[in-house]
Structure formats: C-alpha cells, structure tokens
Amino acid sequence: METKKFSYWQDGDMWLGYLEEYPDYITQGVTLNELKEHLKDLYKELTSGAIPCVRKIAELEVA
C-alpha cells in the first residue's frame, strides 16, 4: 500500500489539510476521517490529469 504525507489542522468545527506533495490544494472535512477521504479523492484527481497545470513540491540535491 502506498502512503502519502499530509498536513492537517482543526479550524472551528472543520478539519483542513493538504498533501505535502501538493501544498497548493487544500481540502476539508467535518471529521478527520472525512478529511482523509477527501485527501484521497484529491490525490486521485491531481494524479489523473483531470486538473490542469498541477504544481508540485520536490527535492533537489545541490551538493
């Protein structure tokens, strides 16, 4: 099973979060489990080509 890191926080009654690899795309849920499901759906959309011009985060070795 593949895993992805994500950041999340609670703001009032909502849980918000984003995938570490795609920090420009935030989603939300009423519960933490709902947020996780929305993050999975978002990942599928971002990697399927359904969303144009997706910006990503990567690492570059410079030394």
N, C-alpha and C. Protein backbone atom coordinates (compact mmCIF):
# COMPACT_ATOMS: atom_id res chain seq x y z
N MET A 1 0.84 -1.18 0.00
CA MET A 1 0.00 0.00 0.00
C MET A 1 0.88 1.25 0.00
N GLU A 2 0.58 2.18 -0.88
CA GLU A 2 1.32 3.43 -0.97
C GLU A 2 0.80 4.42 0.07
N THR A 3 1.69 5.20 0.65
CA THR A 3 1.28 6.22 1.62
C THR A 3 1.76 7.58 1.15
N LYS A 4 1.05 8.62 1.57
CA LYS A 4 1.42 9.99 1.28
C LYS A 4 1.34 10.80 2.57
N LYS A 5 2.27 11.70 2.76
CA LYS A 5 2.25 12.57 3.94
C LYS A 5 1.27 13.71 3.70
N PHE A 6 0.60 14.12 4.77
CA PHE A 6 -0.30 15.26 4.68
C PHE A 6 -0.24 16.07 5.95
N SER A 7 -0.53 17.34 5.83
CA SER A 7 -0.62 18.26 6.97
C SER A 7 -2.08 18.55 7.22
N TYR A 8 -2.45 18.68 8.49
CA TYR A 8 -3.85 18.95 8.80
C TYR A 8 -3.96 19.74 10.09
N TRP A 9 -5.11 20.40 10.25
CA TRP A 9 -5.38 21.19 11.45
C TRP A 9 -6.89 21.34 11.58
N GLN A 10 -7.31 21.67 12.78
CA GLN A 10 -8.72 21.92 13.02
C GLN A 10 -8.95 23.42 13.14
N ASP A 11 -9.96 23.90 12.44
CA ASP A 11 -10.34 25.31 12.47
C ASP A 11 -11.83 25.37 12.79
N GLY A 12 -12.15 25.66 14.03
CA GLY A 12 -13.55 25.63 14.45
C GLY A 12 -14.06 24.20 14.41
N ASP A 13 -15.15 23.99 13.67
CA ASP A 13 -15.74 22.66 13.56
C ASP A 13 -15.19 21.86 12.37
N MET A 14 -14.32 22.45 11.57
CA MET A 14 -13.83 21.80 10.36
C MET A 14 -12.39 21.36 10.49
N TRP A 15 -12.06 20.27 9.80
CA TRP A 15 -10.69 19.80 9.66
C TRP A 15 -10.23 20.18 8.27
N LEU A 16 -9.06 20.81 8.17
CA LEU A 16 -8.49 21.23 6.90
C LEU A 16 -7.15 20.54 6.70
N GLY A 17 -6.77 20.32 5.46
CA GLY A 17 -5.49 19.69 5.22
C GLY A 17 -5.09 19.71 3.76
N TYR A 18 -3.83 19.32 3.52
CA TYR A 18 -3.31 19.24 2.17
C TYR A 18 -2.24 18.15 2.13
N LEU A 19 -2.02 17.63 0.94
CA LEU A 19 -0.97 16.64 0.72
C LEU A 19 0.36 17.37 0.66
N GLU A 20 1.37 16.87 1.35
CA GLU A 20 2.68 17.53 1.39
C GLU A 20 3.23 17.75 -0.03
N GLU A 21 2.98 16.83 -0.93
CA GLU A 21 3.49 16.93 -2.29
C GLU A 21 2.75 18.00 -3.11
N TYR A 22 1.54 18.34 -2.69
CA TYR A 22 0.70 19.29 -3.40
C TYR A 22 0.15 20.34 -2.43
N PRO A 23 0.98 21.21 -1.89
CA PRO A 23 0.53 22.13 -0.84
C PRO A 23 -0.45 23.22 -1.31
N ASP A 24 -0.58 23.41 -2.60
CA ASP A 24 -1.50 24.44 -3.10
C ASP A 24 -2.95 24.00 -3.10
N TYR A 25 -3.21 22.72 -2.82
CA TYR A 25 -4.55 22.18 -2.95
C TYR A 25 -5.06 21.72 -1.58
N ILE A 26 -5.85 22.58 -0.94
CA ILE A 26 -6.37 22.32 0.41
C ILE A 26 -7.79 21.78 0.30
N THR A 27 -8.12 20.84 1.17
CA THR A 27 -9.48 20.33 1.25
C THR A 27 -9.91 20.30 2.71
N GLN A 28 -11.16 19.92 2.96
CA GLN A 28 -11.68 19.96 4.33
C GLN A 28 -12.65 18.82 4.57
N GLY A 29 -12.96 18.61 5.85
CA GLY A 29 -13.95 17.62 6.24
C GLY A 29 -14.52 17.97 7.60
N VAL A 30 -15.70 17.46 7.88
CA VAL A 30 -16.34 17.69 9.18
C VAL A 30 -15.63 16.88 10.27
N THR A 31 -15.08 15.71 9.88
CA THR A 31 -14.31 14.87 10.80
C THR A 31 -12.93 14.63 10.19
N LEU A 32 -12.01 14.17 11.01
CA LEU A 32 -10.67 13.85 10.50
C LEU A 32 -10.76 12.73 9.46
N ASN A 33 -11.60 11.73 9.69
CA ASN A 33 -11.74 10.64 8.73
C ASN A 33 -12.31 11.15 7.40
N GLU A 34 -13.27 12.08 7.46
CA GLU A 34 -13.82 12.65 6.23
C GLU A 34 -12.74 13.43 5.49
N LEU A 35 -11.92 14.18 6.22
CA LEU A 35 -10.81 14.90 5.59
C LEU A 35 -9.89 13.92 4.88
N LYS A 36 -9.56 12.81 5.51
CA LYS A 36 -8.68 11.82 4.88
C LYS A 36 -9.29 11.28 3.60
N GLU A 37 -10.58 11.03 3.59
CA GLU A 37 -11.25 10.56 2.38
C GLU A 37 -11.18 11.62 1.28
N HIS A 38 -11.38 12.88 1.64
CA HIS A 38 -11.30 13.95 0.66
C HIS A 38 -9.87 14.11 0.13
N LEU A 39 -8.88 13.90 0.98
CA LEU A 39 -7.49 13.95 0.53
C LEU A 39 -7.19 12.83 -0.46
N LYS A 40 -7.74 11.65 -0.22
CA LYS A 40 -7.56 10.53 -1.16
C LYS A 40 -8.19 10.87 -2.50
N ASP A 41 -9.40 11.43 -2.47
CA ASP A 41 -10.08 11.82 -3.71
C ASP A 41 -9.27 12.90 -4.44
N LEU A 42 -8.77 13.87 -3.70
CA LEU A 42 -7.97 14.93 -4.28
C LEU A 42 -6.71 14.37 -4.94
N TYR A 43 -6.05 13.42 -4.27
CA TYR A 43 -4.85 12.80 -4.84
C TYR A 43 -5.17 12.12 -6.17
N LYS A 44 -6.27 11.42 -6.22
CA LYS A 44 -6.67 10.75 -7.47
C LYS A 44 -6.88 11.78 -8.59
N GLU A 45 -7.54 12.88 -8.27
CA GLU A 45 -7.77 13.92 -9.27
C GLU A 45 -6.47 14.57 -9.73
N LEU A 46 -5.58 14.86 -8.77
CA LEU A 46 -4.32 15.52 -9.10
C LEU A 46 -3.41 14.64 -9.94
N THR A 47 -3.45 13.35 -9.74
CA THR A 47 -2.55 12.45 -10.46
C THR A 47 -3.16 11.88 -11.73
N SER A 48 -4.45 12.09 -11.94
CA SER A 48 -5.11 11.53 -13.12
C SER A 48 -5.02 12.45 -14.34
N GLY A 49 -4.63 13.69 -14.14
CA GLY A 49 -4.60 14.65 -15.23
C GLY A 49 -5.90 15.43 -15.38
N ALA A 50 -6.85 15.18 -14.47
CA ALA A 50 -8.14 15.88 -14.52
C ALA A 50 -8.00 17.36 -14.20
N ILE A 51 -6.98 17.71 -13.43
CA ILE A 51 -6.73 19.11 -13.07
C ILE A 51 -5.50 19.59 -13.85
N PRO A 52 -5.65 20.61 -14.68
CA PRO A 52 -4.50 21.07 -15.49
C PRO A 52 -3.51 21.89 -14.65
N CYS A 53 -2.27 21.90 -15.09
CA CYS A 53 -1.21 22.75 -14.52
C CYS A 53 -1.01 22.52 -13.02
N VAL A 54 -0.93 21.28 -12.61
CA VAL A 54 -0.74 20.95 -11.20
C VAL A 54 0.68 21.31 -10.77
N ARG A 55 0.78 22.07 -9.68
CA ARG A 55 2.09 22.43 -9.12
C ARG A 55 2.44 21.43 -8.02
N LYS A 56 3.72 21.00 -8.01
CA LYS A 56 4.17 20.00 -7.05
C LYS A 56 5.38 20.52 -6.27
N ILE A 57 5.68 19.82 -5.20
CA ILE A 57 6.89 20.08 -4.41
C ILE A 57 7.84 18.90 -4.62
N ALA A 58 9.11 19.20 -4.82
CA ALA A 58 10.12 18.15 -5.00
C ALA A 58 11.40 18.57 -4.28
N GLU A 59 12.35 17.65 -4.22
CA GLU A 59 13.65 17.95 -3.62
C GLU A 59 14.72 17.93 -4.69
N LEU A 60 15.72 18.78 -4.53
CA LEU A 60 16.82 18.89 -5.47
C LEU A 60 18.12 18.80 -4.70
N GLU A 61 18.98 17.86 -5.08
CA GLU A 61 20.29 17.74 -4.45
C GLU A 61 21.25 18.70 -5.15
N VAL A 62 21.85 19.60 -4.38
CA VAL A 62 22.71 20.62 -4.99
C VAL A 62 24.18 20.49 -4.62
N ALA A 63 24.50 19.62 -3.72
CA ALA A 63 25.91 19.47 -3.36
C ALA A 63 26.26 18.01 -3.24
